[in-house]
Protein backbone atom coordinates (compact mmCIF):
# COMPACT_ATOMS: atom_id res chain seq x y z
CA MET A 1 0.00 0.00 0.00
CA ALA A 2 2.81 2.37 0.94
CA ARG A 3 4.55 1.49 -2.31
CA ALA A 4 1.39 2.35 -4.31
CA LYS A 5 1.07 5.74 -2.60
CA LYS A 6 4.71 6.47 -3.35
CA ALA A 7 4.15 5.64 -7.03
CA VAL A 8 1.15 7.97 -7.18
CA ALA A 9 3.16 10.78 -5.56
CA GLU A 10 5.92 10.30 -8.12
CA LYS A 11 3.37 10.46 -10.93
CA LYS A 12 2.09 13.75 -9.56
CA ARG A 13 5.56 15.26 -9.33
CA SER A 14 6.34 13.98 -12.85
CA PHE A 15 3.09 15.51 -14.09
CA PHE A 16 3.97 19.02 -12.91
CA GLU A 17 7.55 18.68 -14.14
CA ASP A 18 6.26 17.64 -17.56
CA ILE A 19 3.94 20.67 -17.63
CA GLN A 20 6.88 22.95 -16.88
CA GLN A 21 9.00 21.25 -19.56
CA VAL A 22 6.35 21.48 -22.27
CA THR A 23 5.77 25.15 -21.44
CA ALA A 24 9.50 25.88 -21.77
CA ASP A 25 10.09 23.79 -24.91
CA LYS A 26 7.10 24.92 -26.97
CA GLY A 27 6.80 28.47 -25.72
CA PHE A 28 3.17 27.93 -24.74
CA ASP A 29 1.37 29.90 -22.09
CA LYS A 30 1.24 27.83 -18.90
CA GLN A 31 -2.50 28.43 -18.49
CA GLU A 32 -3.10 27.04 -21.98
CA ILE A 33 -1.24 23.85 -21.06
CA LEU A 34 -3.18 23.46 -17.81
CA GLU A 35 -6.46 23.79 -19.74
CA VAL A 36 -5.29 21.09 -22.14
CA VAL A 37 -4.39 18.77 -19.26
CA GLU A 38 -7.70 19.50 -17.55
CA ALA A 39 -9.50 18.36 -20.68
CA GLY A 40 -7.46 15.14 -20.64
CA LEU A 41 -8.25 14.38 -16.99
CA ILE A 42 -11.95 15.01 -17.49
CA ALA A 43 -11.82 12.68 -20.50
CA ALA A 44 -10.27 9.99 -18.29
CA TYR A 45 -13.00 10.50 -15.71
CA LYS A 46 -15.67 10.24 -18.40
CA ARG A 47 -14.06 7.05 -19.69
CA LYS A 48 -14.61 5.46 -16.28
CA TYR A 49 -17.95 6.96 -15.19
CA ARG A 50 -19.61 7.97 -18.53
CA THR A 51 -20.36 11.48 -17.27
CA THR A 52 -18.65 14.81 -16.56
CA ASP A 53 -21.68 16.86 -15.47
CA ASN A 54 -20.72 16.92 -11.81
CA VAL A 55 -16.90 17.23 -11.85
CA LYS A 56 -14.13 19.79 -11.73
CA VAL A 57 -10.36 19.41 -11.91
CA VAL A 58 -8.14 20.74 -9.15
CA MET A 59 -4.41 21.29 -9.70
CA ASP A 60 -2.55 22.19 -6.54
CA LYS A 61 1.05 22.83 -7.49
CA ASP A 62 2.02 23.80 -3.96
CA LYS A 63 1.09 20.36 -2.71
CA ASP A 64 2.15 18.58 -5.91
CA ASP A 65 -1.41 17.36 -6.18
CA VAL A 66 -3.89 16.97 -9.04
CA TYR A 67 -7.31 15.46 -8.63
CA VAL A 68 -10.97 15.52 -9.65
CA VAL A 69 -13.73 16.69 -7.34
CA ALA A 70 -17.04 14.94 -8.10
CA ARG A 71 -20.31 15.95 -6.45
CA ARG A 72 -22.45 12.87 -5.79
CA VAL A 73 -25.82 12.14 -4.25
CA VAL A 74 -25.89 9.74 -1.25
CA VAL A 75 -28.14 6.71 -1.97
CA ASP A 76 -28.65 3.18 -0.63
CA ASN A 77 -28.85 1.67 -4.13
CA ILE A 78 -26.42 2.93 -6.82
CA VAL A 79 -27.89 3.25 -10.31
CA LEU A 80 -25.52 5.92 -11.73
CA PRO A 81 -21.99 5.27 -10.38
CA GLY A 82 -20.61 8.60 -11.56
CA MET A 83 -23.47 10.58 -10.04
CA GLN A 84 -24.21 8.64 -6.85
CA ILE A 85 -22.40 7.21 -3.83
CA HIS A 86 -23.53 4.49 -1.43
CA LEU A 87 -24.38 5.63 2.09
CA ASP A 88 -21.68 3.43 3.64
CA ASP A 89 -18.99 4.89 1.36
CA ALA A 90 -20.30 8.41 1.94
CA ARG A 91 -19.95 8.05 5.71
CA LYS A 92 -16.27 7.13 5.25
CA VAL A 93 -15.86 10.60 3.79
CA LYS A 94 -18.38 12.36 6.02
CA ALA A 95 -19.43 10.56 9.21
CA ASP A 96 -22.90 12.15 9.40
CA ALA A 97 -23.82 11.84 5.73
CA GLN A 98 -27.51 11.28 5.09
CA LEU A 99 -29.50 9.82 2.19
CA GLY A 100 -30.22 12.41 -0.50
CA GLU A 101 -27.35 14.61 0.60
CA GLU A 102 -24.77 15.84 -1.97
CA ILE A 103 -21.15 15.49 -0.99
CA ASP A 104 -17.83 16.15 -2.78
CA ILE A 105 -15.68 13.11 -3.48
CA ILE A 106 -12.00 13.41 -4.46
CA GLU A 107 -10.71 11.02 -7.11
CA TYR A 108 -7.37 10.67 -8.88
CA PRO A 109 -7.66 10.10 -12.66
CA LEU A 110 -4.02 9.02 -12.70
CA GLU A 111 -5.16 5.93 -10.78
CA PHE A 112 -8.10 5.09 -13.05
CA GLY A 113 -6.22 2.33 -14.88
CA ARG A 114 -4.52 1.82 -18.21
CA ILE A 115 -7.46 2.48 -20.55
CA ALA A 116 -8.53 5.68 -18.83
CA ALA A 117 -4.90 6.88 -18.72
CA GLN A 118 -4.51 6.18 -22.43
CA THR A 119 -7.65 8.18 -23.13
CA ALA A 120 -6.27 11.09 -21.11
CA MET A 121 -2.94 10.96 -22.96
CA GLN A 122 -4.64 10.84 -26.38
CA ILE A 123 -6.77 13.87 -25.57
CA VAL A 124 -3.79 15.79 -24.21
CA ALA A 125 -1.65 14.91 -27.25
CA GLN A 126 -4.43 15.92 -29.66
CA LYS A 127 -5.07 19.25 -27.96
CA LEU A 128 -1.35 19.99 -27.72
CA ARG A 129 -1.07 19.44 -31.49
CA GLN A 130 -3.97 21.81 -32.07
CA LEU A 131 -2.39 24.36 -29.75
CA GLU A 132 0.94 24.03 -31.53
CA GLN A 133 -0.71 24.43 -34.94
CA ASN A 134 -2.55 27.54 -33.76
CA LYS A 135 0.77 28.98 -32.60
CA ILE A 136 2.33 28.25 -35.99
CA ARG A 137 -0.53 29.99 -37.78
CA GLU A 138 -0.28 33.00 -35.49
CA ALA A 139 3.49 33.24 -35.95
CA TYR A 140 3.77 32.63 -39.71
CA GLU A 141 0.48 33.16 -41.53
CA GLY A 142 1.06 36.90 -41.68
CA LYS A 143 4.55 36.35 -43.09
CA ILE A 144 3.56 34.37 -46.19
CA GLY A 145 5.35 35.86 -49.19
CA GLU A 146 8.30 37.13 -47.13
CA LEU A 147 11.96 36.10 -47.20
CA MET A 148 13.20 34.12 -44.22
CA ASN A 149 16.59 32.84 -43.11
CA GLY A 150 17.04 29.34 -41.79
CA TYR A 151 19.26 26.30 -41.56
CA ILE A 152 19.02 23.04 -43.45
CA LEU A 153 18.15 20.31 -40.95
CA ARG A 154 18.13 17.26 -43.19
CA LYS A 155 17.17 15.93 -46.58
CA ARG A 156 14.82 12.98 -46.80
CA GLY A 157 14.26 11.71 -50.31
CA ASP A 158 13.65 14.77 -52.49
CA THR A 159 12.37 16.91 -49.61
CA VAL A 160 14.58 19.42 -47.78
CA TYR A 161 13.73 20.26 -44.15
CA VAL A 162 14.53 23.80 -43.01
CA ASP A 163 14.73 25.14 -39.44
CA LEU A 164 13.11 28.59 -39.34
CA GLY A 165 13.57 29.00 -35.59
CA LYS A 166 10.11 28.29 -34.21
CA VAL A 167 9.05 25.75 -36.79
CA GLU A 168 10.44 23.09 -39.07
CA ALA A 169 9.51 23.93 -42.66
CA ILE A 170 9.70 21.73 -45.73
CA MET A 171 10.88 22.55 -49.23
CA PRO A 172 9.42 20.02 -51.71
CA VAL A 173 11.33 19.30 -54.90
CA LYS A 174 9.06 21.55 -57.00
CA HIS A 175 10.11 24.50 -54.82
CA GLN A 176 13.83 23.79 -55.15
CA ILE A 177 16.17 25.29 -57.74
CA PRO A 178 17.27 22.45 -60.03
CA LYS A 179 20.92 21.39 -59.63
CA GLU A 180 21.25 23.43 -56.43
CA ARG A 181 22.97 21.49 -53.64
CA TYR A 182 21.58 21.54 -50.11
CA ARG A 183 23.92 20.55 -47.27
CA VAL A 184 22.91 19.91 -43.67
CA GLU A 185 23.59 22.88 -41.33
CA ASP A 186 24.06 25.29 -44.26
CA LYS A 187 22.38 28.69 -43.96
CA ILE A 188 19.62 29.18 -46.50
CA LYS A 189 17.38 32.04 -47.62
CA VAL A 190 13.85 30.98 -48.58
CA LEU A 191 10.44 32.42 -49.38
CA LEU A 192 7.65 31.49 -46.97
CA HIS A 193 5.34 30.10 -49.62
CA SER A 194 2.29 28.70 -47.81
CA ILE A 195 0.89 26.93 -44.76
CA GLU A 196 -0.98 23.77 -45.68
CA GLN A 197 -3.06 21.22 -43.78
CA ASP A 198 -2.17 17.63 -44.47
CA LYS A 199 -4.92 15.49 -45.98
CA GLY A 200 -7.04 13.76 -43.35
CA GLY A 201 -6.61 16.56 -40.82
CA GLY A 202 -2.93 15.87 -40.19
CA PRO A 203 -0.42 18.41 -38.89
CA LEU A 204 0.22 21.74 -40.56
CA ARG A 205 3.01 21.93 -43.10
CA VAL A 206 4.96 25.16 -43.54
CA ILE A 207 6.10 25.24 -47.18
CA VAL A 208 9.13 27.30 -48.23
CA SER A 209 10.41 27.93 -51.75
CA ARG A 210 13.41 29.10 -53.73
CA ALA A 211 11.87 28.35 -57.14
CA ASP A 212 8.83 30.63 -56.93
CA ARG A 213 8.88 33.87 -58.98
CA MET A 214 8.11 35.80 -55.80
CA PHE A 215 11.47 34.68 -54.39
CA VAL A 216 13.21 36.74 -57.10
CA HIS A 217 10.77 39.63 -56.53
CA LYS A 218 11.62 39.73 -52.82
CA LEU A 219 15.36 39.56 -53.51
CA PHE A 220 15.04 42.67 -55.70
CA GLU A 221 12.89 44.33 -53.06
CA LYS A 222 15.61 43.65 -50.49
CA GLU A 223 18.55 44.84 -52.61
CA VAL A 224 16.95 47.77 -54.48
CA PRO A 225 15.62 50.55 -52.20
CA GLU A 226 13.71 52.14 -55.10
CA ILE A 227 11.64 48.95 -55.46
CA PHE A 228 10.97 48.72 -51.73
CA GLU A 229 9.90 52.38 -51.72
CA LYS A 230 7.68 51.89 -54.83
CA ILE A 231 9.70 54.37 -56.88
CA VAL A 232 10.47 51.53 -59.28
CA THR A 233 7.74 48.96 -59.88
CA ILE A 234 8.17 45.33 -60.89
CA LYS A 235 5.43 44.75 -63.47
CA THR A 236 5.96 41.00 -63.80
CA ILE A 237 8.60 38.30 -63.58
CA GLY A 238 9.12 35.37 -65.91
CA ARG A 239 11.29 32.58 -64.57
CA ILE A 240 12.65 29.14 -65.32
CA PRO A 241 14.36 28.30 -62.00
CA GLY A 242 18.07 27.64 -62.34
CA GLU A 243 18.13 28.87 -65.95
CA ARG A 244 16.95 32.47 -66.40
CA SER A 245 14.67 35.13 -64.96
CA LYS A 246 13.37 38.27 -66.66
CA VAL A 247 12.30 41.04 -64.32
CA VAL A 248 10.13 43.70 -65.98
CA VAL A 249 10.48 47.11 -64.32
CA THR A 250 9.16 50.61 -64.83
CA SER A 251 8.95 53.94 -63.04
CA GLU A 252 6.49 56.79 -63.21
CA ARG A 253 9.28 59.23 -62.44
CA GLN A 254 11.04 60.45 -65.55
CA ASN A 255 14.23 61.18 -63.67
CA VAL A 256 14.59 57.55 -62.55
CA ASP A 257 16.18 54.90 -64.74
CA PRO A 258 14.45 51.68 -63.53
CA VAL A 259 17.01 49.37 -65.12
CA GLY A 260 19.95 51.35 -63.77
CA ALA A 261 18.41 51.41 -60.29
CA CYS A 262 18.21 47.61 -60.28
CA VAL A 263 21.76 47.17 -61.56
CA GLY A 264 23.28 49.61 -59.09
CA VAL A 265 26.64 51.37 -59.19
CA ARG A 266 29.11 49.00 -60.87
CA GLY A 267 26.45 46.31 -60.75
CA VAL A 268 26.65 45.92 -56.96
CA ARG A 269 22.89 45.38 -56.50
CA ILE A 270 22.37 42.85 -59.26
CA GLN A 271 25.54 41.00 -58.26
CA ALA A 272 24.12 40.38 -54.76
CA ILE A 273 21.01 38.81 -56.34
CA VAL A 274 23.04 36.74 -58.81
CA ARG A 275 25.14 35.36 -55.95
CA GLU A 276 21.99 34.20 -54.19
CA LEU A 277 20.63 32.50 -57.33
CA GLY A 278 23.92 30.88 -58.38
CA THR A 279 24.06 30.08 -62.08
CA GLU A 280 20.60 31.49 -62.88
CA ARG A 281 20.84 34.43 -65.30
CA ILE A 282 18.95 37.63 -64.58
CA ASP A 283 17.67 40.00 -67.28
CA ILE A 284 16.24 43.35 -66.22
CA VAL A 285 13.70 44.44 -68.83
CA GLU A 286 12.27 47.94 -69.10
CA TRP A 287 8.51 47.87 -69.64
CA ALA A 288 7.05 49.84 -72.55
CA SER A 289 3.47 50.53 -73.58
CA ASP A 290 4.41 49.96 -77.23
CA PRO A 291 4.40 46.16 -77.67
CA ARG A 292 7.13 46.32 -80.30
CA GLU A 293 9.44 48.22 -78.00
CA PHE A 294 8.51 45.93 -75.09
CA ILE A 295 9.26 42.78 -77.08
CA THR A 296 12.56 44.29 -78.23
CA ASN A 297 13.50 44.89 -74.61
CA ALA A 298 12.27 41.48 -73.47
CA LEU A 299 14.44 39.54 -75.93
CA THR A 300 17.62 40.85 -74.32
CA PRO A 301 20.50 39.99 -74.56
CA ALA A 302 19.58 39.79 -78.25
CA THR A 303 18.59 42.97 -80.11
CA PRO A 304 15.95 42.48 -82.84
CA SER A 305 16.35 44.48 -86.02
CA LEU A 306 12.63 44.16 -86.79
CA VAL A 307 9.55 43.41 -84.67
CA LYS A 308 6.01 43.03 -85.98
CA VAL A 309 3.02 42.35 -83.74
CA ASP A 310 -0.64 41.45 -84.05
CA PRO A 311 -2.44 42.59 -80.85
CA THR A 312 -5.58 40.68 -81.86
CA SER A 313 -4.00 37.23 -81.94
CA ARG A 314 -1.22 38.23 -79.50
CA GLU A 315 1.41 36.95 -81.92
CA ALA A 316 4.70 38.61 -82.81
CA LEU A 317 7.57 38.16 -85.21
CA ALA A 318 11.07 39.20 -84.16
CA VAL A 319 13.92 39.28 -86.68
CA VAL A 320 17.44 39.25 -85.24
CA PRO A 321 20.91 39.35 -86.78
CA ASP A 322 22.14 35.88 -87.73
CA LYS A 323 24.79 35.96 -85.00
CA ASP A 324 22.13 36.68 -82.35
CA LEU A 325 19.67 33.90 -83.27
CA ALA A 326 20.92 31.38 -80.69
CA ILE A 327 21.04 34.08 -78.00
CA ALA A 328 17.50 35.26 -78.80
CA ILE A 329 16.10 31.74 -78.58
CA GLY A 330 18.22 30.70 -75.59
CA ARG A 331 19.20 27.25 -74.42
CA GLU A 332 16.26 24.93 -75.06
CA GLY A 333 14.21 28.02 -75.96
CA THR A 334 14.35 29.53 -72.47
CA ASN A 335 14.94 33.13 -73.57
CA VAL A 336 12.08 33.34 -76.05
CA LYS A 337 9.76 31.35 -73.74
CA ILE A 338 10.23 33.75 -70.86
CA ALA A 339 10.04 36.78 -73.19
CA SER A 340 6.72 35.45 -74.50
CA TYR A 341 5.46 35.01 -70.94
CA VAL A 342 6.30 38.51 -69.70
CA THR A 343 5.03 40.29 -72.83
CA GLY A 344 1.92 38.19 -73.32
CA TYR A 345 2.79 37.60 -76.98
CA LYS A 346 3.66 34.34 -78.70
CA ILE A 347 7.00 35.38 -80.22
CA ASP A 348 8.40 33.73 -83.33
CA VAL A 349 12.12 34.48 -83.71
CA LYS A 350 13.86 34.35 -87.09
CA SER A 351 17.32 35.29 -88.27
CA GLU A 352 17.71 38.00 -90.89
CA SER A 353 18.83 35.44 -93.49
CA GLN A 354 15.81 33.21 -92.72
CA PHE A 355 13.50 36.18 -92.94
CA SER A 356 15.02 37.38 -96.23
CA ALA A 357 14.70 33.92 -97.76
CA GLU A 358 11.08 33.58 -96.69
CA MET A 359 10.22 37.10 -97.88
CA ALA A 360 11.82 36.64 -101.29
CA SER A 361 8.47 36.37 -103.08
CA PRO A 362 5.83 39.14 -103.28
CA GLU A 363 3.23 36.62 -102.08
CA ALA A 364 5.14 36.00 -98.85
CA ARG A 365 5.53 39.73 -98.22
CA LYS A 366 1.84 40.26 -98.81
CA ARG A 367 0.94 37.41 -96.45
CA LEU A 368 3.19 38.91 -93.74
CA ASP A 369 1.54 42.31 -94.16
CA GLU A 370 -1.91 40.70 -93.86
CA ILE A 371 -0.97 38.83 -90.67
CA PHE A 372 0.54 41.85 -88.96
CA GLU A 373 -1.54 44.59 -90.55
CA VAL A 374 -2.92 45.69 -87.19
CA ALA A 375 0.58 46.14 -85.84
CA ALA A 376 1.72 48.26 -88.76
CA PRO A 377 -0.86 51.03 -89.10
CA VAL A 378 -0.57 53.40 -92.01
CA GLU A 379 1.34 56.47 -90.95
CA GLU A 380 -0.20 59.86 -91.54
CA THR A 381 0.86 61.22 -94.89
CA THR A 382 1.86 64.56 -93.48
CA GLU A 383 5.44 65.38 -94.34
CA GLU A 384 7.96 64.83 -91.58
CA GLU A 385 9.37 68.02 -90.13
CA GLY A 386 12.73 66.39 -89.47
CA THR A 387 14.72 63.21 -88.89
CA PRO A 388 13.22 61.07 -86.07
CA LEU A 389 15.30 60.52 -82.94
CA THR A 390 15.09 56.75 -83.48
CA ALA A 391 17.51 57.19 -86.38
CA LEU A 392 20.29 57.94 -83.89
CA PRO A 393 22.07 54.66 -83.00
CA GLY A 394 22.63 54.17 -79.28
CA LEU A 395 19.92 56.55 -78.08
CA ALA A 396 17.97 54.56 -75.47
CA PRO A 397 14.14 54.39 -75.71
CA ARG A 398 13.82 55.97 -72.26
CA ILE A 399 15.91 58.98 -73.34
CA ILE A 400 13.89 59.32 -76.53
CA ARG A 401 10.68 59.41 -74.47
CA ILE A 402 12.09 62.08 -72.15
CA LEU A 403 13.21 64.21 -75.12
CA LYS A 404 9.83 63.89 -76.84
CA ASP A 405 8.05 64.82 -73.60
CA ASN A 406 10.09 68.02 -73.70
CA ASN A 407 9.06 68.70 -77.31
CA ILE A 408 12.40 67.54 -78.77
CA LYS A 409 11.06 65.25 -81.49
CA TYR A 410 13.73 65.33 -84.19
CA ILE A 411 17.49 65.11 -84.52
CA GLU A 412 17.46 68.68 -85.85
CA ASP A 413 15.92 69.81 -82.53
CA LEU A 414 18.51 67.88 -80.54
CA VAL A 415 21.64 69.14 -82.30
CA SER A 416 20.58 72.72 -81.71
CA MET A 417 21.04 72.16 -77.99
CA GLY A 418 24.19 72.17 -75.91
CA GLU A 419 25.20 69.91 -73.06
CA GLU A 420 24.08 72.46 -70.45
CA ASP A 421 20.65 72.68 -72.08
CA LEU A 422 20.26 68.90 -71.81
CA ILE A 423 21.30 68.80 -68.14
CA HIS A 424 18.40 71.11 -67.26
CA ILE A 425 15.89 68.55 -68.62
CA GLU A 426 14.37 66.48 -65.82
CA GLY A 427 15.57 62.89 -66.07
CA ILE A 428 18.85 63.70 -67.87
CA GLY A 429 21.93 64.07 -65.70
CA LYS A 430 25.47 65.14 -66.56
CA ALA A 431 26.59 61.67 -67.62
CA THR A 432 23.55 61.15 -69.86
CA ALA A 433 23.88 64.60 -71.42
CA LYS A 434 27.55 63.95 -72.16
CA ARG A 435 26.68 60.59 -73.75
CA ILE A 436 23.99 62.22 -75.93
CA MET A 437 26.51 64.76 -77.19
CA GLU A 438 28.96 61.92 -77.98
CA ILE A 439 26.24 60.08 -79.95
CA ILE A 440 25.51 63.26 -81.93
CA SER A 441 29.20 63.79 -82.61
CA GLU A 442 29.66 60.20 -83.79
CA ASN A 443 26.57 59.97 -85.98
CA VAL A 444 25.58 63.43 -87.24
CA GLU A 445 27.27 65.42 -90.04
CA PHE A 446 26.52 69.11 -90.50
CA GLU A 447 26.28 70.53 -94.01
CA GLU A 448 28.65 73.29 -94.94
CA GLY A 449 27.23 76.76 -94.93
CA GLU A 450 24.96 75.93 -92.05
CA ALA A 451 24.09 79.03 -90.03
CA GLN A 452 25.53 79.19 -86.54
CA GLU A 453 22.76 81.14 -84.87
CA GLN A 454 20.30 78.98 -82.89
CA SER A 455 17.38 80.90 -84.34
CA GLN A 456 18.23 79.57 -87.80
CA GLU A 457 17.07 76.05 -88.66
CA LEU A 458 19.78 73.39 -88.55
CA ASP A 459 19.99 70.85 -91.29
CA ALA A 460 21.37 67.55 -89.98
CA GLU A 461 21.20 63.96 -91.03
CA PRO A 462 22.68 60.75 -89.60
CA LYS A 463 26.04 59.64 -90.94
CA ALA A 464 25.96 56.83 -93.42
């Protein structure tokens, strides 16, 4: 008997020690744990007596004691064991107990036997899992779509397990960058992709990713302050993980070069992103409202010599120099696939020699004009007032837009200006103004006899 009492006392002490341990390990509130345990003890009581209507759980840490108080009616013939107590047993608790009287009886669920104890443990384990899952949701649901740092715990099959601090996340193979090696205990930067419930009501799974397009978006947001501050906007991202990404950027501010902002001084910003992505190539593409200009930009590093589009069918033809054909298409078609994705056009790339051969006959030229007639509207027949800025090689589309916005539409307008005049235009700094003057010097010839006064019209044409 003494041995049994000692065992019960040890169970009680172990119980409170376990509560303290779980609270410390999981970071739960102690009151939450006690409520979970209370539910387990009541479940054990119900397993034995089939009722819980008349019970309450008492946890006395000071006395290392935990028990159930059950209020029962004193009777001489027990019909409901959990609700009634025989008069003889009642008088062992209270000497003057009378029939019909209600008295409180103390019972110890830890002594209810194996089946009742198992029931209590199952309930406690289930509620602890629910509590843990609620904590995970509270801690991470609001962080979905953010970058997180962690450590690689292990790799089981194709799945990588990542320690994020408070939770163990998983990175399935579809969220991994192909050919990337993951070593145990290595630091790793990941995107918190989603929180999923296993089928059948299993535990929550925190999914992280390095292959998602948003991973690249967040890397740019981290490295480029102008993107974080919404000065430069990422319109869309096309990506084949491990191969190539195209990040389409734009800015509403004319004095901001969105591509230059992403590259950084001496490429310091883009280099930080490239280091994180390993061998994956990054193209920064400037968005344009003109689909032809946009497609030209999107096919970088190739530079098309001709682009025709049909906005109705969303198809486009891009003609590139023969030497650029392989670059325009990319390895296994990656470059043109991603360019098609970000522009929304199905792009057909041809070399200049292929295009010339196919367009040799008048019928072929007519068919091409019919296919892309929407993309090549008839220009107004009014006579041009000068040579368009697009005739100047090396003049970036962004600079052309800025010049046109300032009513500088022709080369003749541009050559009448000096470097200081250009610097005063919003969006053109000293370096850009100097480069514009160099382009003019390299490509424009002035006719002899040309008047020197700015009020007199300048006659200029690009060098042959």
